[in-house]
């Protein structure tokens, strides 16, 4: 399916101004001061509804509730591969203006369908600073706490799983300096894509996941799985054995680029410069070095390009600052993407579903790692917000089993 609007919609935040109706006469509505701090995705940080929230609840400025999730909800959808996917509020809302044909059920039918109970109450009360005051004493999400009490404690008034007095799970914030000073792990490997036109070989530089989690204090002895989370909410689980093991050596296949064929369109693999390919590798040879699950911060001698949203294509562009790199479990030759097969070339390189397409699980722009199981009694870390500020600060959050925080 591709990365679901390039991985579940790339977390593009739809402002409540759009969700409840931009055609309202703004001249009669008091929304608060000029632009203030907001954690909403860039392009919505000056949204009138965000500003109105801060006008009524000044202490919320720049906090976790200074974000679209205060009024929006996520949702579950089913794709044409019969997978049930949990979308964060940003991705879910963005399906209204940008429908995805691969979704067979669960997509919201309107902007109103993307609002949580607090967002609905806010809209029905008039969508203004006065509306926020009028619904202060309501318990929109039915968790036993009034909206004003929840916002005062920086909890979500539209989410019954978030309430005053409930501790938020401790997190360990890892900085760029901390990551690059860990023991360096480098590996050359094939990144085989499921749908994209080209596969590629690359040398990634970073740290093994096991090294990083151990340094953060994770209890890998009791952990069952580890979840890697992108800023758009795309997440993938790996068994703990996958964190600890060495993967099989990869296979190198040369001369599959556009310059190796009479028809350039027949090529479908890109290669790095020769200085980034192990010198003794030959076509059909085994790739040397230990292959491990890793968090990469560099590729082919350069830093990973920082991920961002392309508002035109609604796709995530770039890999960094950090990418989860997953070596092939069943190494093999590259193949063309499913969207580019059959190609008509009859050269044996068209899409083969049996091959290990490891580029998809190799999550770009990883911002959070959850070590499961979560400690009991805690509110989940708010990964649904998107995490774009973590991308900008080049930080990584780790939480869950054994993590006690910074």
Protein backbone atom coordinates (compact mmCIF):
# COMPACT_ATOMS: atom_id res chain seq x y z
CA UNK A 1 0.00 0.00 0.00
CA UNK A 2 2.97 2.29 0.32
CA UNK A 3 3.54 3.91 3.62
CA UNK A 4 -0.13 4.79 4.01
CA UNK A 5 -0.27 8.22 2.48
CA UNK A 6 3.48 7.64 2.63
CA UNK A 7 3.00 6.03 6.01
CA UNK A 8 -0.35 6.81 7.44
CA UNK A 9 -0.67 10.29 6.06
CA UNK A 10 2.61 11.64 7.37
CA UNK A 11 0.97 13.13 10.38
CA UNK A 12 -0.16 16.34 8.70
CA UNK A 13 -2.16 18.26 11.30
CA UNK A 14 -5.53 19.58 10.21
CA UNK A 15 -6.43 22.64 12.21
CA UNK A 16 -9.74 22.80 13.97
CA UNK A 17 -10.43 25.93 11.95
CA UNK A 18 -10.68 23.65 8.92
CA UNK A 19 -12.41 20.86 10.79
CA UNK A 20 -15.36 22.89 11.99
CA UNK A 21 -15.69 25.28 9.10
CA UNK A 22 -13.49 28.01 7.66
CA UNK A 23 -16.41 29.84 6.10
CA UNK A 24 -17.52 31.24 9.45
CA UNK A 25 -17.65 35.05 9.72
CA UNK A 26 -14.51 35.72 11.76
CA UNK A 27 -15.41 39.39 12.28
CA UNK A 28 -17.97 38.46 14.94
CA UNK A 29 -15.81 35.93 16.78
CA UNK A 30 -13.25 36.66 19.50
CA UNK A 31 -10.45 34.12 19.27
CA UNK A 32 -7.81 35.64 21.53
CA UNK A 33 -4.46 37.26 20.87
CA UNK A 34 -2.14 37.23 17.94
CA UNK A 35 -0.13 34.05 17.24
CA UNK A 36 1.19 32.21 20.28
CA UNK A 37 3.28 29.09 20.83
CA UNK A 38 1.74 25.89 19.60
CA UNK A 39 2.91 22.33 19.13
CA UNK A 40 0.65 21.93 16.13
CA UNK A 41 2.48 20.92 12.98
CA UNK A 42 4.04 23.81 11.07
CA UNK A 43 1.43 25.63 9.07
CA UNK A 44 -1.10 25.44 11.91
CA UNK A 45 0.91 26.84 14.79
CA UNK A 46 -0.89 30.18 14.35
CA UNK A 47 -4.33 28.65 14.09
CA UNK A 48 -7.08 30.78 15.60
CA UNK A 49 -8.48 27.90 17.63
CA UNK A 50 -5.08 27.11 19.14
CA UNK A 51 -4.68 30.76 20.02
CA UNK A 52 -8.15 30.81 21.55
CA UNK A 53 -7.31 27.86 23.77
CA UNK A 54 -4.21 29.66 25.07
CA UNK A 55 -6.20 32.85 25.62
CA UNK A 56 -8.49 30.95 27.99
CA UNK A 57 -5.83 28.59 29.41
CA UNK A 58 -2.53 30.56 29.27
CA UNK A 59 -0.60 27.90 31.23
CA UNK A 60 -1.18 25.45 28.38
CA UNK A 61 1.03 27.41 25.95
CA UNK A 62 3.72 25.15 24.52
CA UNK A 63 2.51 22.17 26.52
CA UNK A 64 1.24 18.77 25.40
CA UNK A 65 -2.35 20.06 25.17
CA UNK A 66 -1.28 22.96 22.95
CA UNK A 67 -1.87 20.67 20.02
CA UNK A 68 -4.56 19.45 17.66
CA UNK A 69 -5.15 16.29 19.69
CA UNK A 70 -7.00 18.37 22.27
CA UNK A 71 -9.94 18.53 19.86
CA UNK A 72 -9.21 15.79 17.32
CA UNK A 73 -9.15 12.02 17.63
CA UNK A 74 -7.48 9.22 15.76
CA UNK A 75 -9.24 6.19 14.35
CA UNK A 76 -8.85 2.64 13.10
CA UNK A 77 -9.03 1.87 9.39
CA UNK A 78 -8.71 -1.32 7.38
CA UNK A 79 -6.62 -1.35 4.23
CA UNK A 80 -6.92 -3.48 1.11
CA UNK A 81 -4.42 -5.91 2.62
CA UNK A 82 -6.93 -6.53 5.44
CA UNK A 83 -4.64 -4.87 7.98
CA UNK A 84 -6.20 -2.87 10.80
CA UNK A 85 -4.19 0.31 11.30
CA UNK A 86 -4.46 2.85 14.10
CA UNK A 87 -4.11 6.36 12.74
CA UNK A 88 -3.06 9.31 14.85
CA UNK A 89 -5.40 12.34 14.84
CA UNK A 90 -3.39 14.18 12.19
CA UNK A 91 -3.32 11.26 9.74
CA UNK A 92 -6.96 10.41 10.36
CA UNK A 93 -8.17 13.97 9.76
CA UNK A 94 -6.08 14.35 6.63
CA UNK A 95 -7.97 11.51 4.98
CA UNK A 96 -10.94 13.86 4.54
CA UNK A 97 -9.30 16.18 1.98
CA UNK A 98 -6.91 13.47 0.73
CA UNK A 99 -8.76 10.13 0.51
CA UNK A 100 -6.65 6.99 0.14
CA UNK A 101 -8.09 4.43 -2.27
CA UNK A 102 -6.30 1.61 -0.43
CA UNK A 103 -8.54 2.09 2.64
CA UNK A 104 -11.57 -0.17 2.43
CA UNK A 105 -13.26 0.86 5.70
CA UNK A 106 -12.98 3.20 8.66
CA UNK A 107 -12.06 6.45 6.92
CA UNK A 108 -13.83 9.53 8.35
CA UNK A 109 -16.69 10.77 6.22
CA UNK A 110 -16.39 14.38 7.33
CA UNK A 111 -14.24 16.70 9.42
CA UNK A 112 -16.78 16.44 12.22
CA UNK A 113 -16.09 12.70 12.36
CA UNK A 114 -12.47 13.45 13.30
CA UNK A 115 -13.38 15.40 16.44
CA UNK A 116 -13.24 13.93 19.94
CA UNK A 117 -15.99 14.70 22.53
CA UNK A 118 -14.29 17.91 23.65
CA UNK A 119 -13.89 19.10 20.07
CA UNK A 120 -17.55 18.38 19.39
CA UNK A 121 -18.64 20.29 22.49
CA UNK A 122 -16.42 23.21 21.50
CA UNK A 123 -17.90 23.32 18.00
CA UNK A 124 -21.49 22.99 19.17
CA UNK A 125 -20.96 25.75 21.75
CA UNK A 126 -19.96 28.20 19.04
CA UNK A 127 -16.21 27.69 18.37
CA UNK A 128 -14.90 30.76 20.17
CA UNK A 129 -13.10 31.74 23.33
CA UNK A 130 -16.52 32.16 24.92
CA UNK A 131 -17.39 28.62 23.85
CA UNK A 132 -14.31 27.37 25.70
CA UNK A 133 -15.49 29.19 28.81
CA UNK A 134 -19.03 27.85 28.42
CA UNK A 135 -17.87 24.22 28.35
CA UNK A 136 -15.34 24.55 31.19
CA UNK A 137 -17.50 22.64 33.68
CA UNK A 138 -18.59 19.92 31.27
CA UNK A 139 -16.99 16.49 31.47
CA UNK A 140 -16.76 16.00 27.71
CA UNK A 141 -15.01 12.63 27.78
CA UNK A 142 -16.96 11.21 30.73
CA UNK A 143 -13.94 10.29 32.84
CA UNK A 144 -15.18 12.03 35.98
CA UNK A 145 -13.20 15.27 35.58
CA UNK A 146 -14.43 18.61 34.27
CA UNK A 147 -12.75 19.99 31.15
CA UNK A 148 -11.20 22.88 33.07
CA UNK A 149 -9.69 20.49 35.64
CA UNK A 150 -8.15 18.37 32.90
CA UNK A 151 -6.66 21.30 31.01
CA UNK A 152 -5.29 22.78 34.25
CA UNK A 153 -3.38 19.50 34.75
CA UNK A 154 -2.38 19.36 31.06
CA UNK A 155 -4.55 16.34 30.38
CA UNK A 156 -6.73 15.80 27.32
CA UNK A 157 -10.39 16.68 28.01
CA UNK A 158 -11.53 14.65 25.02
CA UNK A 159 -9.71 11.41 25.95
CA UNK A 160 -11.00 9.30 28.87
CA UNK A 161 -7.60 7.61 29.06
CA UNK A 162 -6.00 10.91 30.09
CA UNK A 163 -7.03 12.35 33.44
CA UNK A 164 -5.67 14.40 36.36
CA UNK A 165 -3.62 12.46 38.88
CA UNK A 166 -2.62 9.75 36.45
CA UNK A 167 1.16 9.78 36.04
CA UNK A 168 2.62 9.96 32.55
CA UNK A 169 5.09 7.19 31.80
CA UNK A 170 8.72 8.26 32.46
CA UNK A 171 10.67 8.96 29.29
CA UNK A 172 14.36 9.11 28.50
CA UNK A 173 15.16 11.88 26.03
CA UNK A 174 18.25 11.07 23.98
CA UNK A 175 20.11 13.95 22.34
CA UNK A 176 22.11 13.91 19.15
CA UNK A 177 25.36 14.21 21.10
CA UNK A 178 24.46 11.18 23.21
CA UNK A 179 23.72 9.05 20.15
CA UNK A 180 26.80 9.89 18.13
CA UNK A 181 29.11 9.22 21.07
CA UNK A 182 27.85 5.63 21.45
CA UNK A 183 29.81 2.77 19.91
CA UNK A 184 29.49 3.20 16.14
CA UNK A 185 27.89 0.50 14.04
CA UNK A 186 28.17 0.57 10.24
CA UNK A 187 26.61 -1.79 7.76
CA UNK A 188 26.26 -2.00 4.01
CA UNK A 189 22.98 -3.52 2.89
CA UNK A 190 20.20 -3.68 0.34
CA UNK A 191 17.07 -1.67 1.03
CA UNK A 192 14.42 -3.53 -0.96
CA UNK A 193 11.20 -1.57 -1.43
CA UNK A 194 7.77 -3.11 -1.79
CA UNK A 195 6.20 -0.46 -4.03
CA UNK A 196 8.82 2.12 -4.99
CA UNK A 197 10.41 2.09 -8.41
CA UNK A 198 13.98 1.70 -7.16
CA UNK A 199 15.74 -0.40 -4.57
CA UNK A 200 19.09 0.82 -3.28
CA UNK A 201 22.29 -0.24 -1.55
CA UNK A 202 23.74 2.00 1.15
CA UNK A 203 26.19 2.11 4.02
CA UNK A 204 24.38 3.26 7.16
CA UNK A 205 26.17 4.61 10.21
CA UNK A 206 24.65 4.67 13.69
CA UNK A 207 24.22 2.51 16.79
CA UNK A 208 22.67 -0.90 17.32
CA UNK A 209 19.25 -0.81 18.93
CA UNK A 210 20.46 -3.15 21.67
CA UNK A 211 23.32 -0.80 22.54
CA UNK A 212 21.04 2.24 22.60
CA UNK A 213 18.33 0.63 24.74
CA UNK A 214 20.81 -0.83 27.19
CA UNK A 215 22.45 2.57 27.64
CA UNK A 216 19.02 4.13 28.27
CA UNK A 217 18.32 1.66 31.08
CA UNK A 218 15.71 -0.49 29.34
CA UNK A 219 14.98 -3.83 30.97
CA UNK A 220 15.55 -6.08 27.98
CA UNK A 221 15.44 -9.14 30.20
CA UNK A 222 11.73 -8.68 30.93
CA UNK A 223 10.80 -6.97 27.67
CA UNK A 224 8.65 -8.83 25.16
CA UNK A 225 8.60 -6.49 22.16
CA UNK A 226 9.93 -3.09 21.14
CA UNK A 227 7.83 -0.57 19.21
CA UNK A 228 9.39 2.03 16.92
CA UNK A 229 7.29 5.11 16.25
CA UNK A 230 7.52 7.75 13.50
CA UNK A 231 6.30 11.37 13.85
CA UNK A 232 3.17 10.56 11.87
CA UNK A 233 2.17 7.78 14.25
CA UNK A 234 3.32 4.93 12.02
CA UNK A 235 4.57 2.23 14.38
CA UNK A 236 6.05 -1.23 14.08
CA UNK A 237 6.71 -3.91 16.69
CA UNK A 238 9.73 -6.20 16.83
CA UNK A 239 10.19 -9.25 19.05
CA UNK A 240 12.95 -8.82 21.62
CA UNK A 241 14.97 -11.53 19.86
CA UNK A 242 15.15 -9.29 16.79
CA UNK A 243 16.84 -6.64 18.94
CA UNK A 244 19.52 -9.01 20.19
CA UNK A 245 20.32 -11.16 17.16
CA UNK A 246 22.70 -10.80 14.25
CA UNK A 247 20.90 -11.06 10.90
CA UNK A 248 22.11 -13.27 8.04
CA UNK A 249 24.77 -11.78 5.73
CA UNK A 250 23.27 -9.92 2.80
CA UNK A 251 23.65 -10.55 -0.93
CA UNK A 252 25.23 -8.04 -3.31
CA UNK A 253 23.85 -7.77 -6.84
CA UNK A 254 25.67 -5.37 -9.15
CA UNK A 255 24.87 -3.85 -12.54
CA UNK A 256 21.17 -3.29 -12.08
CA UNK A 257 21.23 0.52 -12.36
CA UNK A 258 19.97 2.51 -15.33
CA UNK A 259 23.48 2.81 -16.80
CA UNK A 260 23.86 -0.95 -17.07
CA UNK A 261 21.09 -1.45 -19.62
CA UNK A 262 20.55 -0.30 -23.16
CA UNK A 263 17.20 1.04 -22.06
CA UNK A 264 17.81 3.21 -18.95
CA UNK A 265 14.23 2.59 -17.78
CA UNK A 266 15.14 -1.06 -17.30
CA UNK A 267 17.41 -0.18 -14.38
CA UNK A 268 15.84 -0.24 -10.93
CA UNK A 269 18.68 -0.20 -8.37
CA UNK A 270 20.76 2.76 -7.20
CA UNK A 271 24.24 2.35 -5.76
CA UNK A 272 26.38 4.66 -3.62
CA UNK A 273 29.82 5.84 -4.68
CA UNK A 274 32.49 3.14 -4.83
CA UNK A 275 34.05 4.48 -1.63
CA UNK A 276 30.90 3.41 0.23
CA UNK A 277 30.86 -0.15 -1.16
CA UNK A 278 33.10 -2.74 0.54
CA UNK A 279 36.12 -3.08 -1.71
CA UNK A 280 36.13 -6.84 -2.08
CA UNK A 281 32.48 -7.20 -3.06
CA UNK A 282 31.64 -8.80 -6.40
CA UNK A 283 28.34 -9.46 -8.11
CA UNK A 284 26.60 -12.27 -6.25
CA UNK A 285 28.94 -11.96 -3.29
CA UNK A 286 28.10 -12.09 0.41
CA UNK A 287 28.16 -8.71 2.14
CA UNK A 288 30.75 -8.65 4.93
CA UNK A 289 30.22 -7.35 8.46
CA UNK A 290 27.63 -7.94 11.15
CA UNK A 291 24.05 -7.06 10.23
CA UNK A 292 22.03 -5.76 13.18
CA UNK A 293 18.85 -3.85 13.85
CA UNK A 294 20.15 -0.29 14.17
CA UNK A 295 19.27 3.35 14.57
CA UNK A 296 21.10 5.18 11.80
CA UNK A 297 22.04 8.85 11.74
CA UNK A 298 24.24 8.76 8.64
CA UNK A 299 24.20 7.29 5.15
CA UNK A 300 27.06 7.02 2.68
CA UNK A 301 29.27 9.45 4.56
CA UNK A 302 26.64 12.15 5.16
CA UNK A 303 24.04 12.87 7.82
CA UNK A 304 20.57 11.63 7.02
CA UNK A 305 18.50 14.33 5.41
CA UNK A 306 15.92 15.63 7.86
CA UNK A 307 12.42 14.36 7.25
CA UNK A 308 9.64 16.78 6.36
CA UNK A 309 6.16 16.72 4.91
CA UNK A 310 5.68 17.52 1.25
CA UNK A 311 2.30 19.32 1.38
CA UNK A 312 1.70 18.74 -2.32
CA UNK A 313 2.23 14.98 -2.46
CA UNK A 314 1.23 14.47 1.21
CA UNK A 315 4.29 12.27 1.58
CA UNK A 316 7.11 12.03 4.03
CA UNK A 317 10.34 13.11 2.39
CA UNK A 318 13.76 12.39 3.86
CA UNK A 319 14.99 9.77 6.31
CA UNK A 320 16.31 11.54 9.37
CA UNK A 321 17.49 12.60 11.71
CA UNK A 322 17.19 8.91 12.70
CA UNK A 323 16.09 5.86 10.77
CA UNK A 324 15.44 2.37 11.99
CA UNK A 325 17.42 0.12 9.64
CA UNK A 326 16.18 -3.47 9.38
CA UNK A 327 18.48 -5.94 7.59
CA UNK A 328 16.84 -8.60 5.43
CA UNK A 329 15.89 -11.70 7.36
CA UNK A 330 15.93 -13.68 4.12
CA UNK A 331 18.62 -12.01 1.99
CA UNK A 332 18.10 -12.12 -1.74
CA UNK A 333 18.30 -10.15 -4.96
CA UNK A 334 16.55 -6.81 -5.54
CA UNK A 335 13.28 -6.70 -7.48
CA UNK A 336 11.15 -4.02 -9.04
CA UNK A 337 8.37 -2.50 -6.98
CA UNK A 338 4.91 -4.03 -7.21
CA UNK A 339 3.64 -0.81 -8.79
CA UNK A 340 6.18 -1.18 -11.61
CA UNK A 341 5.57 -4.82 -12.43
CA UNK A 342 5.05 -6.48 -14.79
CA UNK A 343 7.61 -4.35 -16.57
CA UNK A 344 7.65 -6.19 -19.87
CA UNK A 345 11.43 -6.65 -19.78
CA UNK A 346 11.25 -10.38 -18.95
CA UNK A 347 14.62 -10.25 -17.21
CA UNK A 348 13.62 -12.04 -14.02
CA UNK A 349 13.69 -8.88 -11.89
CA UNK A 350 9.99 -8.04 -11.65
CA UNK A 351 8.27 -7.90 -8.27
CA UNK A 352 8.40 -11.09 -6.24
CA UNK A 353 6.20 -11.14 -3.14
CA UNK A 354 8.33 -13.89 -1.61
CA UNK A 355 11.39 -11.64 -1.33
CA UNK A 356 12.29 -9.74 1.82
CA UNK A 357 11.20 -6.14 1.28
CA UNK A 358 13.03 -4.70 4.28
CA UNK A 359 12.80 -1.02 3.31
CA UNK A 360 9.19 -0.78 4.54
CA UNK A 361 9.91 -1.90 8.12
CA UNK A 362 12.97 0.39 8.16
CA UNK A 363 11.03 3.30 9.62
CA UNK A 364 12.13 6.77 8.58
CA UNK A 365 12.29 9.65 11.06
CA UNK A 366 11.95 7.51 14.18
CA UNK A 367 11.15 9.76 17.16
CA UNK A 368 10.12 7.31 19.89
CA UNK A 369 10.93 3.77 21.02
CA UNK A 370 8.60 1.96 23.42
CA UNK A 371 9.90 -1.05 25.33
CA UNK A 372 6.98 -3.35 26.09
CA UNK A 373 5.28 -4.10 28.38
CA UNK A 374 4.46 -0.63 29.61
CA UNK A 375 4.56 -0.17 33.40
CA UNK A 376 1.06 -0.42 34.89
CA UNK A 377 -0.86 2.65 36.03
CA UNK A 378 0.78 5.16 33.68
CA UNK A 379 -0.63 7.22 30.86
CA UNK A 380 0.95 6.38 27.53
CA UNK A 381 3.55 8.77 26.17
CA UNK A 382 1.81 11.12 23.75
CA UNK A 383 3.28 9.82 20.50
CA UNK A 384 -0.02 10.56 18.75
CA UNK A 385 0.88 14.24 18.69
CA UNK A 386 3.24 13.54 15.82
CA UNK A 387 6.64 14.30 17.25
CA UNK A 388 7.74 16.80 14.63
CA UNK A 389 9.34 18.96 17.30
CA UNK A 390 11.55 15.98 18.16
CA UNK A 391 12.62 15.79 14.52
CA UNK A 392 13.54 19.45 14.56
CA UNK A 393 15.52 19.10 17.81
CA UNK A 394 17.13 15.84 16.65
CA UNK A 395 15.98 14.08 19.79
CA UNK A 396 14.75 10.56 20.39
CA UNK A 397 12.38 9.43 23.17
CA UNK A 398 12.68 6.01 24.83
CA UNK A 399 10.13 4.76 27.36
CA UNK A 400 8.60 1.62 28.79
CA UNK A 401 10.02 -1.37 30.66
CA UNK A 402 12.91 -0.31 32.89
CA UNK A 403 13.03 3.32 31.77
CA UNK A 404 13.04 5.74 34.72
CA UNK A 405 13.43 8.99 32.80
CA UNK A 406 16.26 11.50 32.46
